[in-house]
Protein backbone atom coordinates (compact mmCIF):
# COMPACT_ATOMS: atom_id res chain seq x y z
CA MET A 1 161.57 107.40 79.76
CA TYR A 2 157.78 109.05 78.22
CA ASP A 3 154.60 110.73 79.88
CA ILE A 4 152.70 109.25 77.42
CA VAL A 5 153.25 107.01 74.44
CA ILE A 6 150.37 106.30 71.82
CA ILE A 7 150.16 102.73 69.92
CA GLY A 8 148.63 103.82 66.57
CA ALA A 9 148.69 106.82 64.03
CA GLY A 10 145.27 106.46 62.84
CA VAL A 11 143.07 110.12 62.97
CA VAL A 12 142.51 108.35 66.39
CA GLY A 13 146.06 108.40 67.52
CA SER A 14 146.74 111.23 65.69
CA SER A 15 143.71 113.39 67.23
CA ILE A 16 145.06 111.98 70.76
CA ALA A 17 148.99 113.23 70.62
CA ARG A 18 146.68 116.68 69.31
CA VAL A 19 145.02 116.94 72.04
CA LEU A 20 147.95 116.18 74.15
CA SER A 21 150.32 118.45 72.71
CA LYS A 22 148.75 121.54 73.70
CA TYR A 23 150.60 120.40 77.05
CA ASP A 24 154.56 120.32 78.58
CA LEU A 25 154.65 116.81 78.13
CA LYS A 26 157.22 114.13 76.44
CA ILE A 27 154.97 112.62 74.06
CA ALA A 28 155.86 109.75 71.66
CA VAL A 29 153.25 107.58 68.58
CA MET A 30 154.38 104.82 67.56
CA ASP A 31 152.79 103.04 64.49
CA LYS A 32 154.45 99.86 61.93
CA GLU A 33 153.75 101.60 58.87
CA ALA A 34 155.98 104.15 57.58
CA ASP A 35 153.72 107.15 56.99
CA ILE A 36 150.98 108.39 58.69
CA CYS A 37 146.70 107.61 57.93
CA GLU A 38 148.43 103.61 56.66
CA GLN A 39 145.21 101.42 57.98
CA THR A 40 141.89 101.90 58.81
CA SER A 41 142.22 105.65 58.94
CA LYS A 42 142.63 105.90 54.66
CA ALA A 43 140.16 103.65 53.56
CA ASN A 44 136.72 104.55 54.73
CA SER A 45 134.56 107.06 53.17
CA GLY A 46 134.84 110.25 55.08
CA ILE A 47 131.60 110.63 56.03
CA VAL A 48 130.50 113.16 59.21
CA HIS A 49 128.01 111.37 61.14
CA SER A 50 124.57 112.91 62.29
CA GLY A 51 124.87 110.38 65.31
CA TYR A 52 120.98 108.98 64.82
CA ASP A 53 121.87 105.81 64.40
CA ALA A 54 123.83 104.41 67.45
CA HIS A 55 122.19 103.52 70.60
CA VAL A 56 120.79 106.06 73.06
CA GLY A 57 123.21 106.35 75.80
CA SER A 58 126.23 104.32 74.06
CA MET A 59 130.18 106.10 73.22
CA LYS A 60 129.65 106.08 70.46
CA ALA A 61 126.08 108.35 70.44
CA LYS A 62 128.42 110.43 72.90
CA MET A 63 131.30 110.70 71.02
CA ASN A 64 129.53 110.51 67.62
CA LEU A 65 127.10 113.99 67.91
CA ARG A 66 130.21 115.54 69.74
CA GLY A 67 132.83 114.85 67.44
CA SER A 68 130.10 116.00 65.12
CA LYS A 69 129.47 119.45 66.16
CA MET A 70 133.55 120.08 66.47
CA MET A 71 134.19 118.90 62.54
CA GLU A 72 133.56 122.36 60.86
CA SER A 73 135.68 124.71 63.38
CA LEU A 74 138.60 121.90 64.04
CA CYS A 75 138.34 121.00 59.44
CA LYS A 76 138.64 125.28 60.39
CA ASP A 77 141.34 125.15 61.91
CA LEU A 78 143.37 122.76 60.49
CA ASP A 79 142.72 123.75 57.22
CA ILE A 80 141.46 121.00 55.17
CA PRO A 81 138.63 120.32 53.33
CA TYR A 82 135.11 119.93 54.95
CA ARG A 83 131.37 120.05 53.86
CA ARG A 84 128.19 120.01 55.78
CA ASN A 85 126.22 118.50 52.76
CA GLY A 86 123.82 116.76 54.75
CA SER A 87 122.54 113.28 53.94
CA LEU A 88 119.59 110.72 53.64
CA VAL A 89 118.62 107.65 54.93
CA LEU A 90 116.61 105.77 52.20
CA ALA A 91 113.04 103.79 52.78
CA PHE A 92 112.32 102.05 49.86
CA SER A 93 108.67 100.69 51.15
CA LYS A 94 105.15 102.16 52.89
CA THR A 95 105.95 99.06 55.91
CA ASP A 96 109.82 100.54 56.39
CA LEU A 97 108.36 104.15 57.33
CA PRO A 98 108.28 102.94 61.40
CA LYS A 99 112.33 102.07 60.97
CA LEU A 100 112.73 105.69 59.99
CA GLU A 101 110.96 107.20 62.42
CA ALA A 102 112.23 104.90 64.50
CA LEU A 103 116.31 105.88 63.88
CA LYS A 104 114.06 109.60 63.72
CA ASP A 105 113.08 108.58 67.38
CA GLN A 106 116.87 107.68 68.49
CA GLY A 107 118.52 110.64 66.43
CA ASP A 108 115.92 113.34 69.15
CA ALA A 109 117.40 111.19 72.19
CA ASN A 110 120.71 110.97 70.86
CA GLY A 111 120.04 115.41 70.88
CA VAL A 112 120.61 115.57 66.91
CA GLU A 113 119.45 118.54 65.25
CA GLY A 114 117.05 118.87 62.58
CA LEU A 115 116.04 115.43 62.12
CA GLN A 116 112.94 115.13 59.17
CA ILE A 117 110.92 112.45 57.73
CA LEU A 118 110.50 113.43 54.20
CA SER A 119 107.81 111.74 52.09
CA THR A 120 108.76 110.99 48.26
CA GLU A 121 107.91 114.38 45.94
CA GLU A 122 110.34 115.66 48.95
CA VAL A 123 113.40 113.45 48.40
CA LEU A 124 112.86 113.14 44.87
CA LEU A 125 113.12 117.10 44.73
CA MET A 126 115.86 117.33 46.97
CA GLU A 127 118.05 114.32 44.49
CA PRO A 128 116.28 114.54 41.36
CA ASN A 129 118.90 111.35 41.32
CA LEU A 130 117.45 108.38 43.02
CA SER A 131 115.17 105.94 42.06
CA ASN A 132 112.09 105.82 42.29
CA GLU A 133 111.58 103.27 44.60
CA VAL A 134 112.27 105.32 47.11
CA THR A 135 109.25 106.06 49.27
CA ASN A 136 110.64 108.64 52.41
CA ALA A 137 113.29 109.52 54.13
CA LEU A 138 115.18 110.73 57.55
CA TYR A 139 116.93 114.18 56.50
CA ALA A 140 120.02 114.75 58.72
CA PRO A 141 121.00 118.43 58.05
CA THR A 142 123.79 118.31 60.73
CA GLY A 143 125.30 115.49 57.70
CA GLY A 144 128.99 116.04 56.29
CA ILE A 145 132.12 115.10 54.10
CA VAL A 146 135.62 115.05 55.77
CA ASP A 147 138.66 113.93 53.61
CA PRO A 148 139.81 111.56 55.99
CA PHE A 149 143.72 111.58 54.49
CA LYS A 150 144.01 115.19 55.59
CA LEU A 151 142.02 114.96 58.67
CA THR A 152 144.51 112.74 60.52
CA ILE A 153 148.23 114.35 58.36
CA ALA A 154 146.83 117.62 59.52
CA GLN A 155 145.96 116.45 63.22
CA ALA A 156 149.01 114.49 63.19
CA GLU A 157 151.39 117.62 62.32
CA VAL A 158 149.82 119.87 64.58
CA ALA A 159 151.03 117.19 66.97
CA CYS A 160 154.54 117.42 65.79
CA GLN A 161 154.90 121.00 65.48
CA ASN A 162 154.19 121.39 68.94
CA GLY A 163 156.98 118.70 69.79
CA VAL A 164 155.20 115.22 69.79
CA GLU A 165 157.88 112.64 68.62
CA PHE A 166 156.41 109.93 65.90
CA LYS A 167 158.14 107.30 65.79
CA LEU A 168 157.09 105.97 62.04
CA LYS A 169 157.76 101.40 61.73
CA THR A 170 158.53 100.77 64.92
CA LYS A 171 156.18 97.56 65.14
CA VAL A 172 155.29 96.71 68.52
CA ILE A 173 155.46 93.44 69.91
CA ASP A 174 154.94 92.65 73.43
CA VAL A 175 154.00 96.15 76.62
CA GLU A 176 154.64 95.08 80.02
CA LYS A 177 153.55 97.10 83.21
CA HIS A 178 155.53 97.88 86.18
CA ASP A 179 155.04 99.57 89.35
CA ASP A 180 154.55 103.07 87.79
CA TYR A 181 154.95 102.35 84.29
CA PHE A 182 155.16 100.63 81.00
CA ILE A 183 158.15 99.06 79.42
CA ILE A 184 157.15 98.47 75.16
CA PHE A 185 159.81 96.10 73.19
CA THR A 186 159.62 96.94 68.95
CA ASP A 187 161.60 96.01 66.95
CA LYS A 188 163.93 99.09 67.33
CA GLY A 189 164.37 98.58 70.76
CA GLU A 190 162.41 99.00 74.58
CA PHE A 191 160.81 102.67 75.11
CA LYS A 192 159.18 103.51 78.84
CA THR A 193 156.13 105.59 79.41
CA ARG A 194 154.42 106.68 82.93
CA ILE A 195 151.15 106.87 80.38
CA LEU A 196 150.25 103.69 77.57
CA VAL A 197 147.53 104.82 75.53
CA ASN A 198 146.41 101.95 72.69
CA ALA A 199 144.51 103.21 69.59
CA ALA A 200 145.86 100.22 67.64
CA GLY A 201 142.52 100.13 65.05
CA VAL A 202 142.47 96.23 64.32
CA TYR A 203 145.26 95.48 66.91
CA ALA A 204 143.74 97.16 69.86
CA ASP A 205 142.19 93.90 71.80
CA ASP A 206 145.87 92.43 71.06
CA VAL A 207 147.54 94.91 72.87
CA ASN A 208 144.73 95.26 75.99
CA ASN A 209 144.98 91.67 76.49
CA GLN A 210 149.09 91.56 76.78
CA LEU A 211 147.64 93.74 79.85
CA SER A 212 143.89 93.40 81.22
CA ALA A 213 142.37 90.04 82.73
CA TYR A 214 139.48 92.37 80.81
CA LYS A 215 139.60 91.16 77.76
CA LEU A 216 138.52 92.75 74.14
CA LYS A 217 137.40 90.73 70.56
CA ILE A 218 137.83 92.93 67.70
CA THR A 219 137.09 91.35 64.58
CA PRO A 220 138.12 92.72 60.98
CA ARG A 221 135.01 94.14 59.43
CA LYS A 222 136.30 93.98 55.25
CA GLY A 223 134.24 97.20 53.27
CA GLU A 224 135.04 97.25 49.66
CA TYR A 225 134.64 101.36 47.52
CA CYS A 226 133.83 101.89 44.02
CA LEU A 227 135.70 105.21 43.21
CA PHE A 228 134.80 107.24 40.51
CA ASP A 229 135.83 110.53 37.98
CA LYS A 230 135.23 114.25 39.43
CA GLN A 231 132.74 114.27 36.31
CA VAL A 232 130.00 112.76 37.96
CA GLY A 233 130.16 113.74 41.66
CA ASN A 234 127.53 115.72 41.00
CA ILE A 235 124.64 113.36 40.54
CA VAL A 236 123.90 113.64 44.31
CA ASP A 237 124.92 115.81 46.37
CA LYS A 238 123.69 115.10 49.95
CA THR A 239 125.23 111.61 51.75
CA ILE A 240 122.50 109.15 50.61
CA PHE A 241 122.20 105.45 52.93
CA GLN A 242 119.93 102.67 53.05
CA LEU A 243 118.06 101.78 56.47
CA PRO A 244 120.91 99.92 58.51
CA THR A 245 121.07 96.62 59.32
CA ALA A 246 123.26 94.29 61.93
CA LEU A 247 125.77 94.72 60.21
CA GLY A 248 126.09 98.90 59.35
CA LYS A 249 125.04 101.30 57.67
CA GLY A 250 124.80 99.89 54.30
CA VAL A 251 126.33 100.98 51.06
CA LEU A 252 126.01 104.64 50.78
CA VAL A 253 126.37 106.88 47.74
CA THR A 254 128.56 110.26 48.32
CA PRO A 255 130.13 113.15 47.05
CA THR A 256 133.06 113.65 48.41
CA PRO A 257 135.06 116.92 49.31
CA ASP A 258 137.46 116.87 45.99
CA GLY A 259 134.45 116.35 44.26
CA ASN A 260 134.45 112.94 42.92
CA LEU A 261 131.76 110.19 44.23
CA LEU A 262 132.17 107.07 46.04
CA VAL A 263 130.06 103.90 46.96
CA GLY A 264 130.44 101.22 48.93
CA PRO A 265 130.86 99.85 51.36
CA THR A 266 130.59 96.22 51.74
CA ALA A 267 130.51 95.06 55.14
CA ASN A 268 131.99 91.25 55.52
CA ASP A 269 133.66 89.76 58.75
CA ILE A 270 137.47 88.04 57.74
CA ILE A 271 140.11 86.88 60.15
CA ASP A 272 143.36 88.13 58.66
CA LYS A 273 143.52 91.74 59.96
CA ASP A 274 146.17 92.24 57.36
CA ASP A 275 143.50 91.95 54.42
CA ILE A 276 142.92 94.85 52.28
CA SER A 277 142.07 92.75 49.26
CA THR A 278 139.16 93.98 47.08
CA THR A 279 137.49 91.15 44.84
CA ALA A 280 134.63 90.87 41.85
CA GLU A 281 132.11 90.00 44.53
CA GLY A 282 132.59 92.61 46.80
CA LEU A 283 132.66 95.12 44.41
CA LYS A 284 129.69 94.04 42.11
CA SER A 285 127.34 94.02 45.51
CA VAL A 286 128.61 96.98 45.59
CA ILE A 287 127.12 98.45 43.19
CA ASP A 288 124.36 96.03 43.00
CA ARG A 289 123.23 97.92 46.14
CA ALA A 290 124.07 101.69 45.38
CA ARG A 291 121.23 100.62 42.55
CA LYS A 292 118.59 100.32 44.45
CA SER A 293 119.21 103.89 45.51
CA VAL A 294 120.55 105.59 42.53
CA LYS A 295 118.68 105.02 39.37
CA GLN A 296 122.16 105.02 37.25
CA ILE A 297 125.67 104.27 38.26
CA PRO A 298 127.93 105.23 35.45
CA MET A 299 130.14 102.31 35.90
CA GLY A 300 132.53 103.89 32.87
CA PHE A 301 133.84 106.55 35.10
CA VAL A 302 135.12 104.06 38.07
CA ILE A 303 138.47 105.16 38.56
CA THR A 304 140.21 102.66 41.34
CA ALA A 305 138.44 100.09 43.63
CA PHE A 306 139.65 99.60 47.21
CA ALA A 307 139.32 98.12 50.68
CA GLY A 308 140.03 98.69 54.58
CA LEU A 309 138.93 97.39 57.90
CA ARG A 310 137.23 98.27 60.39
CA ALA A 311 137.28 97.79 64.23
CA THR A 312 134.29 95.92 65.34
CA GLU A 313 135.09 94.89 69.00
CA GLN A 314 132.16 92.50 69.91
CA ASN A 315 130.04 94.64 72.25
CA GLY A 316 129.66 96.83 70.12
CA ASP A 317 130.64 99.51 71.57
CA PHE A 318 133.96 101.46 71.25
CA VAL A 319 135.55 100.87 74.19
CA ILE A 320 137.52 104.10 75.43
CA GLY A 321 138.49 105.30 78.82
CA GLU A 322 141.33 103.46 81.65
CA ALA A 323 141.42 99.99 82.17
CA ILE A 324 139.87 99.14 84.70
CA ASP A 325 142.33 97.08 86.52
CA VAL A 326 145.15 98.54 84.41
CA PRO A 327 146.19 101.73 85.89
CA ASN A 328 147.44 104.15 83.58
CA PHE A 329 146.35 101.96 80.67
CA PHE A 330 144.50 103.88 78.51
CA ASN A 331 142.10 102.23 75.60
CA ALA A 332 140.66 104.00 72.62
CA ALA A 333 139.56 100.31 71.41
CA GLY A 334 137.06 98.80 69.21
CA ILE A 335 136.83 102.44 66.72
CA GLU A 336 134.56 101.65 64.26
CA SER A 337 132.12 104.13 62.21
CA PRO A 338 131.78 106.05 63.15
CA GLY A 339 134.85 106.49 63.77
CA LEU A 340 136.54 109.10 61.78
CA THR A 341 133.21 111.45 63.10
CA SER A 342 133.86 110.63 66.96
CA ALA A 343 137.89 110.62 66.37
CA PRO A 344 137.99 114.59 67.57
CA ALA A 345 135.31 113.81 70.75
CA ILE A 346 137.51 111.12 71.56
CA GLY A 347 141.02 113.34 71.71
CA GLU A 348 139.46 115.24 73.11
CA TYR A 349 138.00 113.26 75.99
CA LEU A 350 140.99 110.73 76.51
CA GLY A 351 143.44 114.14 76.20
CA ALA A 352 141.55 115.83 78.99
CA MET A 353 141.54 112.15 81.40
CA ILE A 354 144.94 111.32 80.69
CA ALA A 355 146.68 115.72 81.37
CA ASN A 356 144.37 115.53 84.46
CA ARG A 357 146.20 111.92 85.40
CA LEU A 358 149.46 113.83 85.45
CA ASN A 359 148.33 117.61 86.88
CA ALA A 360 149.63 118.44 83.04
CA ILE A 361 150.58 121.98 82.82
CA GLU A 362 149.48 123.45 78.56
CA LYS A 363 152.14 125.09 77.12
CA SER A 364 152.00 128.77 76.37
CA ASP A 365 153.50 128.90 73.07
CA TYR A 366 151.08 126.19 71.75
CA ILE A 367 150.16 126.28 68.09
CA LYS A 368 146.51 125.05 67.32
CA THR A 369 146.40 125.77 63.43
CA ARG A 370 148.70 125.17 61.02
CA THR A 371 148.43 125.68 56.84
CA ASP A 372 147.80 123.04 54.20
CA THR A 373 149.47 122.30 50.81
CA VAL A 374 147.99 125.00 48.50
CA ARG A 375 145.41 123.59 47.18
CA PHE A 376 146.23 124.60 43.42
CA GLU A 377 143.82 123.98 40.83
CA SER A 378 141.25 125.37 42.45
CA LEU A 379 143.01 128.84 42.56
CA SER A 380 141.87 131.58 40.35
CA LEU A 381 143.50 131.73 37.27
CA ALA A 382 144.90 135.42 39.01
CA ASP A 383 145.87 133.73 41.95
CA LYS A 384 147.82 131.64 40.28
CA ALA A 385 149.60 133.27 38.52
CA ASN A 386 150.43 135.81 40.81
CA LEU A 387 152.09 132.01 42.59
CA ILE A 388 154.28 130.59 40.06
CA LYS A 389 155.74 134.13 39.53
CA GLU A 390 156.77 134.41 43.48
CA ASN A 391 158.21 130.80 42.96
CA PRO A 392 158.38 129.57 39.36
CA GLU A 393 157.97 126.17 40.14
CA TYR A 394 154.17 126.22 40.87
CA GLY A 395 153.83 126.97 37.08
CA LYS A 396 155.18 123.15 36.64
CA ILE A 397 152.72 120.51 36.57
CA ILE A 398 153.07 117.08 37.91
CA CYS A 399 149.64 115.83 38.16
CA ARG A 400 147.53 116.29 34.95
CA CYS A 401 144.59 114.93 36.04
CA GLU A 402 144.58 116.85 39.48
CA LEU A 403 146.18 120.48 38.25
CA VAL A 404 149.65 118.91 41.19
CA THR A 405 152.72 121.06 41.07
CA LEU A 406 155.95 120.86 41.76
CA ALA A 407 155.33 123.24 44.43
CA GLN A 408 152.92 121.31 45.88
CA ILE A 409 154.97 117.90 46.12
CA LYS A 410 157.89 119.41 47.56
CA ASP A 411 156.42 121.50 50.19
CA ALA A 412 154.40 117.70 50.86
CA ILE A 413 157.96 116.16 51.25
CA HIS A 414 159.55 119.25 53.51
CA ARG A 415 156.42 119.88 55.91
CA PRO A 416 156.52 118.41 59.76
CA LEU A 417 156.08 114.95 59.16
CA GLY A 418 156.85 114.79 55.40
CA ALA A 419 155.70 112.23 52.61
CA LYS A 420 158.31 109.73 52.34
CA THR A 421 156.72 107.87 49.56
CA ILE A 422 154.04 107.70 46.44
CA ASP A 423 150.80 107.23 48.90
CA GLY A 424 151.73 110.12 51.16
CA ILE A 425 152.45 111.78 48.62
CA LYS A 426 149.47 111.40 46.79
CA ARG A 427 147.03 112.27 50.02
CA ARG A 428 148.65 115.38 51.22
CA THR A 429 148.56 116.87 47.86
CA ARG A 430 146.23 114.14 45.31
CA ALA A 431 148.84 113.89 42.29
CA GLY A 432 147.87 110.58 41.38
CA ALA A 433 144.69 110.54 42.43
CA GLY A 434 143.34 111.84 39.55
CA ARG A 435 141.70 109.28 36.37
CA CYS A 436 144.72 107.97 35.30
CA GLN A 437 145.66 106.97 39.64
CA GLY A 438 149.03 108.26 38.46
CA GLY A 439 149.90 106.71 35.43
CA PHE A 440 151.79 109.83 34.49
CA CYS A 441 152.62 111.30 37.50
CA SER A 442 154.15 108.35 39.18
CA PRO A 443 157.67 108.51 37.39
CA ARG A 444 157.99 112.16 37.91
CA VAL A 445 156.50 111.80 41.75
CA ILE A 446 159.76 108.69 41.77
CA GLU A 447 162.90 110.92 40.56
CA ILE A 448 161.36 114.17 42.96
CA LEU A 449 161.31 111.34 46.28
CA ALA A 450 164.98 110.57 44.80
CA LYS A 451 166.07 113.41 44.91
CA GLU A 452 164.69 115.61 47.84
CA LEU A 453 164.99 112.88 49.63
CA HIS A 454 168.99 111.59 48.96
CA LEU A 455 167.03 108.58 47.57
CA ASP A 456 167.97 105.78 44.96
CA PRO A 457 165.04 105.50 43.21
CA ARG A 458 164.66 102.11 43.88
CA GLU A 459 164.50 102.69 47.68
CA VAL A 460 161.17 105.10 47.06
CA ALA A 461 158.28 102.73 47.82
CA LYS A 462 154.49 103.09 46.56
CA SER A 463 153.77 102.79 50.55
CA ASP A 464 156.21 100.13 52.98
CA SER A 465 159.88 99.01 51.84
CA ASN A 466 157.93 95.22 50.34
CA SER A 467 156.39 97.32 47.68
CA VAL A 468 159.39 99.23 46.30
CA MET A 469 157.84 100.75 41.99
CA LEU A 470 161.45 100.47 39.91
CA ILE A 471 163.42 97.43 41.07
CA GLU A 472 166.82 97.70 38.35
CA PHE A 473 167.96 100.52 35.96
CA ASP A 474 167.44 99.37 32.29
CA LYS A 475 170.74 101.80 31.16
CA ASP A 476 174.05 101.08 32.78
CA SER A 477 175.00 104.44 32.01
CA LEU A 478 172.37 105.36 34.68
């Protein structure tokens, strides 16, 4: 019997697990995927929103503002990249100025600090590569960028090092409520828990609707993105938005914490909750709309495209808290944008609520920090030389594009909740995230994973058992 089971190992589930891991409780996190951060959390823009575009008084507004304020300190504790670069919302006509002013008024009412309406001259002085069509902009100095993979993985690692069990490759099939506990039926057997937390992303309505008479309806909203090489990562410094629409914040242009340029997303409601395919039409739409914001989008430097799904609930707000008619069942559902920003606040909010319900006692030996894998590329020559002297495997470069070493990859495999797949290595070290997208380093990464995990190379997958890279040896002697 567990005290708490959390369904979903994305950024929200991992945030909740991190907060609850400070208490003397038996906790498990379940996810159908082979690794942390395999669904919505792996495919978003990594934007830390300041909080001006959520309706006043909504759960989105409250969690967004609190999450934004928490982010810098949390990322320092977690040793992950974060930068408060600020953001701009662009207007392209003087008739749009009232909309910008209304957005500022809403942000002021939400408690966002430092919002300003800028003139054309002020905007172009700040960002000279913006389109000449820009007439005004709303400037939000508290906007930021964060590595979404690291934010998820790091929080899960903290939870793991504090005793939380992660049951990956465990698909939840059904849930039942009994008098004072739940039974969770999975493809790996049955589990019992006193408290059940639903952080299942686009599947959160399925979990809720098995237990509660108050039904949720989540529609997957697909967003397609283009990622550009670091060589053009400085075209803009701020995160550049256009005035939002009913479907979201529109196509943005932003630097990433690692120095790339990111453009996207589209916003198309779909039916299939597993459809993360990209389309020629979608990517063309992304680029065409981005060109309205930035003078020249350097298409020759696109290194990859990807798509993610946002969990859009029919009522338009986050659904966070205990279900009215199911005691001890807590939802974190409908967490679309600004979900990444809000995740630490959601963890704090639900964590306190659940700990209070269980009269939980805080641990005396809780570990709140963790150290990331070494970021070898960013070190000085002297620091690199010293590191290689201590461990010669730091001198063996596996990924040339991102300068990732053998020592980093081994660390990513053997640390808490270590990588088991090629994508797992990529998200923890950036091996394969550069210009060639793994064309050079993937064979070596497969070899290292196989050796360190005692696997046949044909068992090493890109992301799951359906994505193995090798099917047979080309020589019988091997």
